[in-house]
Amino acid sequence: MSLDPPTDPLSYAASLLDAVGADREQVPADIALDCLYAAELLELAGARAQPVPLIDGDPAASIHAAMGALGLLDEGTFASTPVLDAARAARHALRRLG
């Protein structure tokens, strides 16, 4: 089963962030932890993460896509504390990833 970002952006974002966090070849541990934390926060907000590949094998592109998916959320969902905290953690990871 694949995730469709327009119909389930919360789960899509969580899945991508989880995939980045699991990439031990390209992603340093501290950045991976930020992504795994973000995925966990999104799951607390109702996401159901599933195994997905990185976007074009690129951790940064995958974080960008996850953040884009979060931008598709309705205002109420996006404004919830877990989602905002997840977006901050993802932004922090992306900045440090370079």
N, C-alpha and C. Protein backbone atom coordinates (compact mmCIF):
# COMPACT_ATOMS: atom_id res chain seq x y z
N MET A 1 0.84 -1.18 0.00
CA MET A 1 0.00 0.00 0.00
C MET A 1 0.89 1.24 0.00
N SER A 2 0.63 2.15 -0.90
CA SER A 2 1.41 3.37 -0.94
C SER A 2 0.59 4.51 -0.36
N LEU A 3 1.28 5.51 0.11
CA LEU A 3 0.62 6.67 0.70
C LEU A 3 0.47 7.74 -0.36
N ASP A 4 -0.64 8.43 -0.32
CA ASP A 4 -0.93 9.49 -1.27
C ASP A 4 -0.89 10.82 -0.51
N PRO A 5 0.10 11.67 -0.78
CA PRO A 5 0.22 12.89 0.00
C PRO A 5 -1.01 13.78 -0.02
N PRO A 6 -1.74 13.92 -1.14
CA PRO A 6 -2.91 14.80 -1.09
C PRO A 6 -4.03 14.28 -0.19
N THR A 7 -4.17 12.96 -0.04
CA THR A 7 -5.25 12.43 0.79
C THR A 7 -4.82 12.13 2.22
N ASP A 8 -3.56 11.94 2.46
CA ASP A 8 -3.06 11.65 3.81
C ASP A 8 -1.70 12.30 4.03
N PRO A 9 -1.65 13.63 4.01
CA PRO A 9 -0.36 14.31 4.13
C PRO A 9 0.35 14.07 5.45
N LEU A 10 -0.41 13.88 6.52
CA LEU A 10 0.21 13.67 7.83
C LEU A 10 1.00 12.36 7.84
N SER A 11 0.39 11.29 7.35
CA SER A 11 1.06 9.99 7.30
C SER A 11 2.21 9.99 6.30
N TYR A 12 2.01 10.67 5.18
CA TYR A 12 3.07 10.76 4.17
C TYR A 12 4.31 11.45 4.75
N ALA A 13 4.09 12.57 5.44
CA ALA A 13 5.21 13.29 6.05
C ALA A 13 5.91 12.43 7.10
N ALA A 14 5.13 11.76 7.93
CA ALA A 14 5.72 10.90 8.96
C ALA A 14 6.53 9.78 8.34
N SER A 15 6.02 9.20 7.26
CA SER A 15 6.72 8.10 6.59
C SER A 15 8.04 8.57 5.99
N LEU A 16 8.03 9.74 5.36
CA LEU A 16 9.27 10.27 4.78
C LEU A 16 10.29 10.60 5.86
N LEU A 17 9.85 11.21 6.94
CA LEU A 17 10.78 11.56 8.01
C LEU A 17 11.34 10.30 8.67
N ASP A 18 10.52 9.29 8.80
CA ASP A 18 10.99 8.02 9.34
C ASP A 18 12.03 7.39 8.40
N ALA A 19 11.81 7.49 7.10
CA ALA A 19 12.77 6.95 6.13
C ALA A 19 14.11 7.68 6.21
N VAL A 20 14.07 8.99 6.38
CA VAL A 20 15.32 9.75 6.53
C VAL A 20 16.02 9.32 7.81
N GLY A 21 15.27 9.19 8.89
CA GLY A 21 15.86 8.78 10.16
C GLY A 21 16.48 7.40 10.12
N ALA A 22 15.97 6.54 9.26
CA ALA A 22 16.48 5.18 9.15
C ALA A 22 17.67 5.06 8.20
N ASP A 23 17.98 6.12 7.47
CA ASP A 23 19.07 6.08 6.49
C ASP A 23 20.41 6.31 7.19
N ARG A 24 21.03 5.24 7.61
CA ARG A 24 22.27 5.34 8.38
C ARG A 24 23.49 5.53 7.48
N GLU A 25 23.33 5.42 6.17
CA GLU A 25 24.47 5.62 5.27
C GLU A 25 24.70 7.09 4.94
N GLN A 26 23.62 7.85 4.79
CA GLN A 26 23.74 9.24 4.36
C GLN A 26 23.47 10.26 5.46
N VAL A 27 22.81 9.84 6.52
CA VAL A 27 22.33 10.79 7.53
C VAL A 27 23.05 10.57 8.85
N PRO A 28 23.73 11.61 9.37
CA PRO A 28 24.38 11.49 10.68
C PRO A 28 23.35 11.22 11.78
N ALA A 29 23.79 10.59 12.84
CA ALA A 29 22.89 10.15 13.90
C ALA A 29 22.09 11.29 14.51
N ASP A 30 22.69 12.45 14.73
CA ASP A 30 21.95 13.55 15.37
C ASP A 30 20.82 14.05 14.49
N ILE A 31 21.04 14.08 13.19
CA ILE A 31 20.00 14.50 12.26
C ILE A 31 18.94 13.41 12.13
N ALA A 32 19.37 12.17 12.12
CA ALA A 32 18.43 11.05 12.07
C ALA A 32 17.49 11.09 13.27
N LEU A 33 18.03 11.41 14.44
CA LEU A 33 17.20 11.48 15.64
C LEU A 33 16.17 12.59 15.54
N ASP A 34 16.53 13.73 14.98
CA ASP A 34 15.56 14.80 14.76
C ASP A 34 14.42 14.32 13.87
N CYS A 35 14.75 13.61 12.82
CA CYS A 35 13.72 13.12 11.88
C CYS A 35 12.84 12.05 12.53
N LEU A 36 13.45 11.16 13.28
CA LEU A 36 12.67 10.13 13.96
C LEU A 36 11.76 10.76 15.02
N TYR A 37 12.25 11.78 15.70
CA TYR A 37 11.44 12.50 16.68
C TYR A 37 10.26 13.17 15.98
N ALA A 38 10.51 13.82 14.85
CA ALA A 38 9.44 14.47 14.10
C ALA A 38 8.39 13.45 13.65
N ALA A 39 8.84 12.30 13.17
CA ALA A 39 7.91 11.25 12.75
C ALA A 39 7.06 10.78 13.93
N GLU A 40 7.68 10.63 15.08
CA GLU A 40 6.95 10.20 16.28
C GLU A 40 5.91 11.24 16.68
N LEU A 41 6.26 12.51 16.61
CA LEU A 41 5.30 13.56 16.94
C LEU A 41 4.11 13.53 15.99
N LEU A 42 4.38 13.31 14.71
CA LEU A 42 3.29 13.24 13.74
C LEU A 42 2.40 12.03 14.01
N GLU A 43 3.00 10.94 14.46
CA GLU A 43 2.19 9.78 14.82
C GLU A 43 1.32 10.09 16.04
N LEU A 44 1.83 10.88 16.97
CA LEU A 44 1.01 11.30 18.11
C LEU A 44 -0.17 12.15 17.64
N ALA A 45 0.00 12.85 16.53
CA ALA A 45 -1.06 13.68 15.97
C ALA A 45 -2.02 12.89 15.09
N GLY A 46 -1.76 11.59 14.91
CA GLY A 46 -2.68 10.75 14.16
C GLY A 46 -2.12 10.12 12.90
N ALA A 47 -0.86 10.39 12.57
CA ALA A 47 -0.26 9.81 11.37
C ALA A 47 -0.04 8.31 11.56
N ARG A 48 -0.01 7.62 10.44
CA ARG A 48 0.36 6.20 10.43
C ARG A 48 1.51 6.04 9.46
N ALA A 49 2.72 6.05 9.99
CA ALA A 49 3.91 5.92 9.14
C ALA A 49 4.00 4.51 8.57
N GLN A 50 4.41 4.46 7.31
CA GLN A 50 4.64 3.20 6.62
C GLN A 50 6.01 3.26 5.98
N PRO A 51 6.63 2.11 5.72
CA PRO A 51 7.93 2.13 5.05
C PRO A 51 7.80 2.71 3.64
N VAL A 52 8.60 3.71 3.36
CA VAL A 52 8.66 4.31 2.02
C VAL A 52 10.13 4.57 1.70
N PRO A 53 10.46 4.62 0.41
CA PRO A 53 11.84 4.97 0.04
C PRO A 53 12.03 6.49 0.12
N LEU A 54 13.28 6.88 0.20
CA LEU A 54 13.60 8.30 0.12
C LEU A 54 13.22 8.82 -1.27
N ILE A 55 12.91 10.09 -1.36
CA ILE A 55 12.62 10.72 -2.65
C ILE A 55 13.94 10.78 -3.43
N ASP A 56 14.01 10.09 -4.54
CA ASP A 56 15.21 10.05 -5.38
C ASP A 56 16.47 9.68 -4.59
N GLY A 57 16.31 8.91 -3.51
CA GLY A 57 17.44 8.51 -2.69
C GLY A 57 18.09 9.65 -1.93
N ASP A 58 17.40 10.78 -1.83
CA ASP A 58 17.97 12.01 -1.28
C ASP A 58 17.29 12.39 0.04
N PRO A 59 18.02 12.36 1.16
CA PRO A 59 17.43 12.73 2.44
C PRO A 59 16.87 14.16 2.46
N ALA A 60 17.62 15.11 1.90
CA ALA A 60 17.15 16.50 1.91
C ALA A 60 15.87 16.66 1.10
N ALA A 61 15.80 16.04 -0.06
CA ALA A 61 14.58 16.11 -0.87
C ALA A 61 13.41 15.47 -0.14
N SER A 62 13.68 14.44 0.62
CA SER A 62 12.63 13.76 1.37
C SER A 62 12.12 14.63 2.51
N ILE A 63 13.00 15.34 3.18
CA ILE A 63 12.57 16.26 4.23
C ILE A 63 11.76 17.40 3.61
N HIS A 64 12.23 17.93 2.49
CA HIS A 64 11.48 18.98 1.78
C HIS A 64 10.08 18.49 1.44
N ALA A 65 9.98 17.28 0.91
CA ALA A 65 8.68 16.72 0.54
C ALA A 65 7.78 16.54 1.77
N ALA A 66 8.37 16.12 2.87
CA ALA A 66 7.60 15.97 4.10
C ALA A 66 7.06 17.32 4.57
N MET A 67 7.90 18.33 4.50
CA MET A 67 7.46 19.66 4.91
C MET A 67 6.39 20.19 3.95
N GLY A 68 6.53 19.89 2.67
CA GLY A 68 5.49 20.27 1.71
C GLY A 68 4.17 19.59 2.02
N ALA A 69 4.24 18.33 2.42
CA ALA A 69 3.02 17.60 2.78
C ALA A 69 2.37 18.23 4.00
N LEU A 70 3.18 18.66 4.96
CA LEU A 70 2.62 19.32 6.14
C LEU A 70 1.90 20.61 5.75
N GLY A 71 2.37 21.26 4.71
CA GLY A 71 1.72 22.47 4.22
C GLY A 71 0.34 22.22 3.64
N LEU A 72 0.01 20.96 3.34
CA LEU A 72 -1.31 20.61 2.82
C LEU A 72 -2.34 20.40 3.93
N LEU A 73 -1.87 20.39 5.17
CA LEU A 73 -2.80 20.14 6.28
C LEU A 73 -3.74 21.32 6.49
N ASP A 74 -4.92 21.01 7.02
CA ASP A 74 -5.84 22.09 7.37
C ASP A 74 -5.24 22.87 8.56
N GLU A 75 -5.70 24.08 8.72
CA GLU A 75 -5.13 24.99 9.73
C GLU A 75 -5.19 24.40 11.14
N GLY A 76 -6.30 23.77 11.48
CA GLY A 76 -6.43 23.21 12.83
C GLY A 76 -5.43 22.11 13.12
N THR A 77 -5.23 21.22 12.15
CA THR A 77 -4.26 20.13 12.33
C THR A 77 -2.85 20.68 12.38
N PHE A 78 -2.53 21.59 11.45
CA PHE A 78 -1.18 22.13 11.41
C PHE A 78 -0.85 22.90 12.69
N ALA A 79 -1.83 23.57 13.27
CA ALA A 79 -1.59 24.39 14.46
C ALA A 79 -1.46 23.58 15.74
N SER A 80 -1.69 22.28 15.68
CA SER A 80 -1.57 21.47 16.89
C SER A 80 -0.10 21.40 17.32
N THR A 81 0.10 21.31 18.60
CA THR A 81 1.47 21.31 19.16
C THR A 81 2.34 20.21 18.58
N PRO A 82 1.87 18.95 18.49
CA PRO A 82 2.77 17.92 17.94
C PRO A 82 3.19 18.19 16.50
N VAL A 83 2.27 18.71 15.68
CA VAL A 83 2.60 18.96 14.27
C VAL A 83 3.57 20.14 14.17
N LEU A 84 3.32 21.19 14.91
CA LEU A 84 4.26 22.33 14.88
C LEU A 84 5.64 21.93 15.37
N ASP A 85 5.69 21.15 16.44
CA ASP A 85 6.98 20.69 16.96
C ASP A 85 7.68 19.78 15.95
N ALA A 86 6.92 18.95 15.25
CA ALA A 86 7.49 18.08 14.22
C ALA A 86 8.05 18.90 13.07
N ALA A 87 7.32 19.93 12.66
CA ALA A 87 7.80 20.79 11.58
C ALA A 87 9.09 21.50 11.99
N ARG A 88 9.16 21.94 13.23
CA ARG A 88 10.39 22.58 13.72
C ARG A 88 11.56 21.61 13.72
N ALA A 89 11.32 20.38 14.17
CA ALA A 89 12.39 19.38 14.20
C ALA A 89 12.85 19.05 12.78
N ALA A 90 11.91 18.96 11.85
CA ALA A 90 12.28 18.68 10.45
C ALA A 90 13.08 19.84 9.87
N ARG A 91 12.65 21.06 10.15
CA ARG A 91 13.38 22.24 9.65
C ARG A 91 14.80 22.26 10.22
N HIS A 92 14.92 21.94 11.49
CA HIS A 92 16.23 21.91 12.15
C HIS A 92 17.12 20.85 11.49
N ALA A 93 16.55 19.67 11.24
CA ALA A 93 17.31 18.59 10.59
C ALA A 93 17.75 19.01 9.20
N LEU A 94 16.87 19.64 8.45
CA LEU A 94 17.19 20.05 7.09
C LEU A 94 18.32 21.08 7.08
N ARG A 95 18.27 22.01 7.98
CA ARG A 95 19.34 23.03 8.07
C ARG A 95 20.68 22.38 8.35
N ARG A 96 20.70 21.43 9.26
CA ARG A 96 21.96 20.80 9.62
C ARG A 96 22.44 19.81 8.57
N LEU A 97 21.51 19.26 7.81
CA LEU A 97 21.89 18.33 6.75
C LEU A 97 22.66 19.03 5.64
N GLY A 98 22.35 20.30 5.48
CA GLY A 98 23.10 21.08 4.50
C GLY A 98 22.46 21.13 3.23
